[in-house]
Amino acid sequence: MGKQTAIHEQVLNTQSTDELMDLYEDWAARYDQDVNDTWGYSGPERTLFWLRHYLEPEGARVLDAGCGTGLVAVALSEGGFRCIDGIDYSTAMLAEAAKKNVYQQLQQMNMNAALPIAAGAYDGVTCVGTFTSAHVEPEALHELVRVTRLGGIVCSTVREEYWQDTHFPEVLNQIVESGRAALKQLCEEPYVHSEESTCKMVALEVTQAA
C-alpha cells in the first residue's frame, strides 16, 4: 500500500454515518485537490470509458449515485453525456458538486434506503467511490438496478478491500442469477495511484424491468 492521506484513512475507518458526514463536511472544500492532484484518482475516467463502451451518450439520462463533489459528472460531461442527475448523502459534498454546473438535478438521498426514484428512470447509472469502507451497503446495488431502464447500464467501482471484506459478490450474483441484469464487465482497474490501490469495475445491463 502506498501513500494515504490522514483524512482518507479516517474516512475509510469511520464507524458511523454521522462521523462520516462530519469528515466530509470538513473535507469537501479541498476534496478535489486531494484526490486529483495529490492521489491521482482514476475512478471517474475509467467509469466514463466503460459507460461509453455500452451506452451511447447522446440523449442518455444518467444518475450519478454517490456523486460527491461531482468529479464523475465532469468526466461524463467531457465524454458527451449531457443529462446527468446526482444524489449524495453529504450536503457539503452536494454544495461542491453544484459549483461544477454539470448536473440537471442534485438531491440528498440515503443510498442505504429505498430511493425515491421511479423504476427505469435512467438509461445509465454510475456509482464511483461509494462501494467502499463505511459508506454504502452492498444491497444498494438492487436499487441502482431498479432505477435503470430495460437495456440500460449500471457502471460501478468497488474498492478491492470492500469486495473482499463484504458480501458484495453475493449480492451481485443474486442480481445476475435472478435474471434482473447481465454482467457485461468485471475487471480490475487502477484506483488511487498514490496508494497503489485497485478496484473492481462492474458493468451490468438491465435485462428485466422492475
Protein backbone atom coordinates (compact mmCIF):
# COMPACT_ATOMS: atom_id res chain seq x y z
CA MET A 1 0.00 0.00 0.00
CA GLY A 2 1.39 3.37 -0.98
CA LYS A 3 0.80 6.85 0.38
CA GLN A 4 -2.55 7.59 2.00
CA THR A 5 -3.63 10.97 3.39
CA ALA A 6 -4.77 11.19 7.02
CA ILE A 7 -8.30 12.32 6.11
CA HIS A 8 -8.75 9.43 3.70
CA GLU A 9 -7.62 6.95 6.33
CA GLN A 10 -10.19 8.44 8.72
CA VAL A 11 -12.93 8.15 6.08
CA LEU A 12 -12.11 4.51 5.40
CA ASN A 13 -12.13 3.67 9.10
CA THR A 14 -15.10 5.68 10.34
CA GLN A 15 -17.61 3.81 12.48
CA SER A 16 -20.86 5.70 11.80
CA THR A 17 -22.70 7.68 9.15
CA ASP A 18 -22.76 10.77 11.36
CA GLU A 19 -19.00 10.58 11.81
CA LEU A 20 -18.55 10.13 8.06
CA MET A 21 -20.73 13.17 7.28
CA ASP A 22 -18.70 15.28 9.74
CA LEU A 23 -15.50 14.24 7.97
CA TYR A 24 -16.92 15.14 4.56
CA GLU A 25 -18.12 18.47 5.95
CA ASP A 26 -14.51 19.28 6.82
CA TRP A 27 -13.05 17.75 3.66
CA ALA A 28 -15.45 18.90 0.93
CA ALA A 29 -13.69 22.17 0.02
CA ARG A 30 -10.30 20.52 -0.60
CA TYR A 31 -11.54 17.10 -1.74
CA ASP A 32 -10.96 17.69 -5.45
CA GLN A 33 -7.42 18.91 -4.93
CA ASP A 34 -6.60 15.93 -2.72
CA VAL A 35 -7.99 13.22 -4.98
CA ASN A 36 -6.87 14.71 -8.30
CA ASP A 37 -3.57 16.41 -7.55
CA THR A 38 -2.29 14.52 -4.51
CA TRP A 39 -3.63 11.00 -5.07
CA GLY A 40 -4.13 10.52 -8.79
CA TYR A 41 -7.70 9.18 -8.80
CA SER A 42 -8.70 7.36 -11.98
CA GLY A 43 -12.18 6.14 -10.99
CA PRO A 44 -14.13 8.80 -12.94
CA GLU A 45 -12.22 8.45 -16.21
CA ARG A 46 -12.31 4.64 -16.15
CA THR A 47 -16.03 4.69 -15.43
CA LEU A 48 -16.57 7.01 -18.38
CA PHE A 49 -14.62 4.59 -20.57
CA TRP A 50 -16.82 1.63 -19.67
CA LEU A 51 -20.12 3.52 -19.66
CA ARG A 52 -19.43 4.84 -23.17
CA HIS A 53 -18.48 1.32 -24.22
CA TYR A 54 -22.04 0.14 -23.52
CA LEU A 55 -24.18 3.28 -23.67
CA GLU A 56 -24.44 5.94 -26.37
CA PRO A 57 -24.01 9.35 -24.71
CA GLU A 58 -26.36 11.32 -26.94
CA GLY A 59 -29.71 11.73 -25.22
CA ALA A 60 -28.86 9.36 -22.37
CA ARG A 61 -30.17 10.23 -18.93
CA VAL A 62 -27.61 9.26 -16.26
CA LEU A 63 -27.78 9.09 -12.47
CA ASP A 64 -24.51 9.73 -10.66
CA ALA A 65 -25.18 7.85 -7.40
CA GLY A 66 -22.96 8.89 -4.52
CA CYS A 67 -21.85 11.85 -6.61
CA GLY A 68 -19.64 13.53 -4.02
CA THR A 69 -18.19 16.77 -5.38
CA GLY A 70 -19.11 15.93 -8.97
CA LEU A 71 -15.84 14.58 -10.38
CA VAL A 72 -17.61 11.74 -12.17
CA ALA A 73 -20.16 14.06 -13.78
CA VAL A 74 -17.36 16.32 -15.01
CA ALA A 75 -15.78 13.31 -16.73
CA LEU A 76 -19.14 12.20 -18.11
CA SER A 77 -19.85 15.68 -19.44
CA GLU A 78 -16.48 15.84 -21.14
CA GLY A 79 -17.29 12.43 -22.65
CA GLY A 80 -20.52 13.62 -24.24
CA PHE A 81 -23.14 12.90 -21.56
CA ARG A 82 -25.32 15.95 -21.03
CA CYS A 83 -28.32 14.85 -18.96
CA ILE A 84 -26.91 13.99 -15.52
CA ASP A 85 -28.57 13.94 -12.11
CA GLY A 86 -26.67 13.43 -8.86
CA ILE A 87 -27.50 12.09 -5.42
CA ASP A 88 -25.41 12.01 -2.26
CA TYR A 89 -25.98 11.95 1.49
CA SER A 90 -23.48 14.73 2.28
CA THR A 91 -24.88 18.23 1.88
CA ALA A 92 -21.35 19.66 1.94
CA MET A 93 -20.30 17.48 -0.99
CA LEU A 94 -23.50 18.32 -2.88
CA ALA A 95 -22.75 22.02 -2.45
CA GLU A 96 -19.37 21.48 -4.10
CA ALA A 97 -20.99 19.39 -6.87
CA ALA A 98 -23.41 22.21 -7.65
CA LYS A 99 -20.47 24.51 -8.43
CA LYS A 100 -19.47 22.25 -11.35
CA ASN A 101 -22.60 23.22 -13.32
CA VAL A 102 -22.83 19.77 -14.92
CA TYR A 103 -25.95 18.42 -13.19
CA GLN A 104 -29.57 18.94 -14.09
CA GLN A 105 -30.65 17.95 -10.58
CA LEU A 106 -28.85 17.34 -7.29
CA GLN A 107 -30.62 15.76 -4.34
CA GLN A 108 -29.72 14.49 -0.90
CA MET A 109 -30.58 10.80 -0.60
CA ASN A 110 -29.63 7.90 1.62
CA MET A 111 -28.43 5.10 -0.64
CA ASN A 112 -28.83 2.59 2.19
CA ALA A 113 -32.61 3.04 1.91
CA ALA A 114 -35.13 2.75 -0.92
CA LEU A 115 -34.53 5.59 -3.36
CA PRO A 116 -37.48 7.92 -4.08
CA ILE A 117 -36.87 7.49 -7.80
CA ALA A 118 -39.21 5.80 -10.30
CA ALA A 119 -38.25 2.38 -11.65
CA GLY A 120 -36.49 2.56 -15.00
CA ALA A 121 -35.99 6.33 -14.79
CA TYR A 122 -32.41 6.30 -16.11
CA ASP A 123 -30.58 4.98 -19.15
CA GLY A 124 -27.39 4.66 -17.13
CA VAL A 125 -26.26 4.78 -13.52
CA THR A 126 -22.74 5.38 -12.25
CA CYS A 127 -21.62 4.66 -8.71
CA VAL A 128 -17.97 5.55 -8.19
CA GLY A 129 -16.06 5.60 -4.91
CA THR A 130 -19.21 4.71 -2.99
CA PHE A 131 -18.90 0.94 -2.54
CA THR A 132 -16.04 1.42 -0.12
CA SER A 133 -15.45 1.08 3.61
CA ALA A 134 -18.02 2.74 5.92
CA HIS A 135 -20.13 4.11 3.06
CA VAL A 136 -22.91 2.22 1.25
CA GLU A 137 -24.03 -1.36 1.89
CA PRO A 138 -23.84 -3.91 -0.98
CA GLU A 139 -27.65 -4.13 -1.07
CA ALA A 140 -27.73 -0.64 -2.57
CA LEU A 141 -26.91 -2.29 -5.90
CA HIS A 142 -30.50 -3.59 -6.04
CA GLU A 143 -31.82 -0.01 -6.11
CA LEU A 144 -29.33 1.08 -8.75
CA VAL A 145 -30.58 -1.72 -10.99
CA ARG A 146 -34.22 -0.89 -10.21
CA VAL A 147 -33.95 2.75 -11.32
CA THR A 148 -32.25 1.76 -14.60
CA ARG A 149 -34.39 1.07 -17.66
CA LEU A 150 -34.52 -2.23 -19.51
CA GLY A 151 -31.34 -2.40 -21.57
CA GLY A 152 -29.70 0.34 -19.52
CA ILE A 153 -26.29 0.15 -17.88
CA VAL A 154 -25.14 0.29 -14.26
CA CYS A 155 -21.43 1.01 -14.02
CA SER A 156 -19.76 0.91 -10.62
CA THR A 157 -16.39 0.80 -8.96
CA VAL A 158 -15.93 -1.47 -5.95
CA ARG A 159 -12.85 -0.89 -3.83
CA GLU A 160 -10.79 -4.09 -3.65
CA GLU A 161 -10.86 -4.36 0.16
CA TYR A 162 -14.65 -3.85 0.11
CA TRP A 163 -15.02 -6.61 -2.49
CA GLN A 164 -13.01 -8.97 -0.27
CA ASP A 165 -14.46 -7.99 3.10
CA THR A 166 -18.19 -7.65 2.35
CA HIS A 167 -20.86 -9.76 0.70
CA PHE A 168 -20.92 -7.55 -2.41
CA PRO A 169 -20.01 -10.51 -4.70
CA GLU A 170 -23.00 -12.44 -3.32
CA VAL A 171 -25.37 -9.52 -3.95
CA LEU A 172 -24.01 -9.18 -7.48
CA ASN A 173 -24.52 -12.90 -8.09
CA GLN A 174 -28.09 -12.71 -6.77
CA ILE A 175 -28.95 -9.97 -9.25
CA VAL A 176 -27.38 -11.79 -12.20
CA GLU A 177 -28.78 -15.22 -11.32
CA SER A 178 -32.27 -13.77 -10.84
CA GLY A 179 -32.20 -12.57 -14.45
CA ARG A 180 -32.57 -8.91 -13.49
CA ALA A 181 -29.27 -7.95 -15.09
CA ALA A 182 -26.46 -9.42 -17.16
CA LEU A 183 -22.84 -8.96 -16.12
CA LYS A 184 -21.19 -7.22 -19.07
CA GLN A 185 -17.86 -6.40 -17.46
CA LEU A 186 -15.96 -7.38 -14.32
CA CYS A 187 -12.33 -6.32 -14.38
CA GLU A 188 -9.63 -4.84 -12.20
CA GLU A 189 -8.81 -1.17 -12.69
CA PRO A 190 -6.25 1.19 -11.13
CA TYR A 191 -7.97 3.28 -8.49
CA VAL A 192 -5.92 5.60 -6.25
CA HIS A 193 -2.43 5.77 -7.70
CA SER A 194 -0.70 7.29 -4.65
CA GLU A 195 -1.72 4.31 -2.51
CA GLU A 196 -1.29 1.82 -5.36
CA SER A 197 -4.84 0.55 -4.84
CA THR A 198 -7.16 -1.11 -7.33
CA CYS A 199 -10.88 -1.53 -7.68
CA LYS A 200 -13.26 -3.86 -9.41
CA MET A 201 -15.15 -2.29 -12.30
CA VAL A 202 -18.64 -3.76 -12.59
CA ALA A 203 -20.89 -3.11 -15.59
CA LEU A 204 -24.41 -4.54 -15.60
CA GLU A 205 -27.02 -4.43 -18.34
CA VAL A 206 -30.59 -4.47 -17.02
CA THR A 207 -32.43 -7.39 -18.60
CA GLN A 208 -35.68 -7.38 -16.62
CA ALA A 209 -37.84 -4.35 -16.00
CA ALA A 210 -38.56 -3.63 -12.33
